[in-house]
Amino acid sequence: MSEASGRTPIPEAWIGRAVELVFVSGSSTEYSNGYLEEVNDRGIVLTVEGHGEHPARPLFYPWGAVIQIAEVSD
């Protein structure tokens, strides 16, 4: 979590923005896109779009599972 002089540190600065997440699930590496909802000392909450009849829902990812998070460019 880096902080530029006087600005909100990243990834906190990305709250409410679209992000790409790379994370560990079991023994594999997974990818997810969504909107960053929360960042705290335990991990992040990402709202992931649902597919078909499943609505969008918030998912928690502990820091131990997070490999990389990046803001999606417009």
Protein backbone atom coordinates (compact mmCIF):
# COMPACT_ATOMS: atom_id res chain seq x y z
CA MET A 1 0.00 0.00 0.00
CA SER A 2 1.89 2.98 -1.24
CA GLU A 3 1.13 6.58 -0.48
CA ALA A 4 2.00 9.57 -2.63
CA SER A 5 2.70 12.76 -0.70
CA GLY A 6 -0.51 13.96 0.98
CA ARG A 7 -2.82 11.64 -0.96
CA THR A 8 -4.97 8.70 0.03
CA PRO A 9 -2.84 5.54 -0.07
CA ILE A 10 -3.43 2.94 -2.74
CA PRO A 11 -5.51 0.74 -2.82
CA GLU A 12 -7.74 2.82 -0.51
CA ALA A 13 -7.74 5.54 -3.20
CA TRP A 14 -9.45 3.08 -5.56
CA ILE A 15 -12.54 2.51 -3.38
CA GLY A 16 -15.61 2.74 -5.62
CA ARG A 17 -13.56 2.18 -8.78
CA ALA A 18 -13.29 -0.84 -11.07
CA VAL A 19 -10.31 -3.08 -10.32
CA GLU A 20 -8.78 -6.33 -11.53
CA LEU A 21 -7.79 -8.81 -8.84
CA VAL A 22 -5.43 -11.76 -9.04
CA PHE A 23 -5.76 -14.10 -6.06
CA VAL A 24 -5.01 -17.61 -4.82
CA SER A 25 -7.92 -20.04 -4.50
CA GLY A 26 -6.84 -23.44 -3.23
CA SER A 27 -3.88 -24.44 -5.37
CA SER A 28 -4.72 -22.27 -8.37
CA THR A 29 -4.44 -18.62 -9.37
CA GLU A 30 -7.78 -16.94 -10.12
CA TYR A 31 -8.80 -13.62 -11.65
CA SER A 32 -11.76 -11.38 -10.81
CA ASN A 33 -13.05 -7.99 -11.95
CA GLY A 34 -15.31 -5.80 -9.84
CA TYR A 35 -15.67 -2.64 -7.82
CA LEU A 36 -13.50 -2.12 -4.76
CA GLU A 37 -15.81 -1.51 -1.79
CA GLU A 38 -13.56 -1.67 1.26
CA VAL A 39 -9.91 -2.01 2.27
CA ASN A 40 -8.80 -2.82 5.82
CA ASP A 41 -6.03 -4.62 7.68
CA ARG A 42 -7.67 -8.02 7.08
CA GLY A 43 -8.20 -7.74 3.31
CA ILE A 44 -10.46 -6.21 0.67
CA VAL A 45 -14.12 -6.38 -0.33
CA LEU A 46 -14.85 -6.50 -4.04
CA THR A 47 -18.35 -6.32 -5.53
CA VAL A 48 -18.39 -8.81 -8.37
CA GLU A 49 -21.01 -8.73 -11.13
CA GLY A 50 -23.32 -11.71 -11.16
CA HIS A 51 -23.84 -13.99 -14.13
CA GLY A 52 -27.28 -14.91 -15.45
CA GLU A 53 -29.73 -15.05 -12.57
CA HIS A 54 -27.12 -14.34 -9.88
CA PRO A 55 -27.05 -10.70 -8.69
CA ALA A 56 -23.88 -8.71 -8.04
CA ARG A 57 -22.51 -9.47 -4.59
CA PRO A 58 -19.69 -8.34 -2.31
CA LEU A 59 -16.88 -10.84 -1.75
CA PHE A 60 -14.13 -10.68 0.87
CA TYR A 61 -10.54 -11.52 -0.08
CA PRO A 62 -8.01 -11.80 2.78
CA TRP A 63 -4.60 -10.25 2.15
CA GLY A 64 -3.02 -13.72 2.30
CA ALA A 65 -4.93 -14.66 -0.87
CA VAL A 66 -4.33 -11.43 -2.80
CA ILE A 67 -1.50 -11.59 -5.34
CA GLN A 68 -2.16 -8.39 -7.27
CA ILE A 69 -4.77 -5.65 -7.51
CA ALA A 70 -4.86 -3.01 -10.24
CA GLU A 71 -7.20 -0.20 -11.15
CA VAL A 72 -8.94 -0.71 -14.48
CA SER A 73 -8.22 2.08 -16.95
CA ASP A 74 -11.18 3.79 -18.59
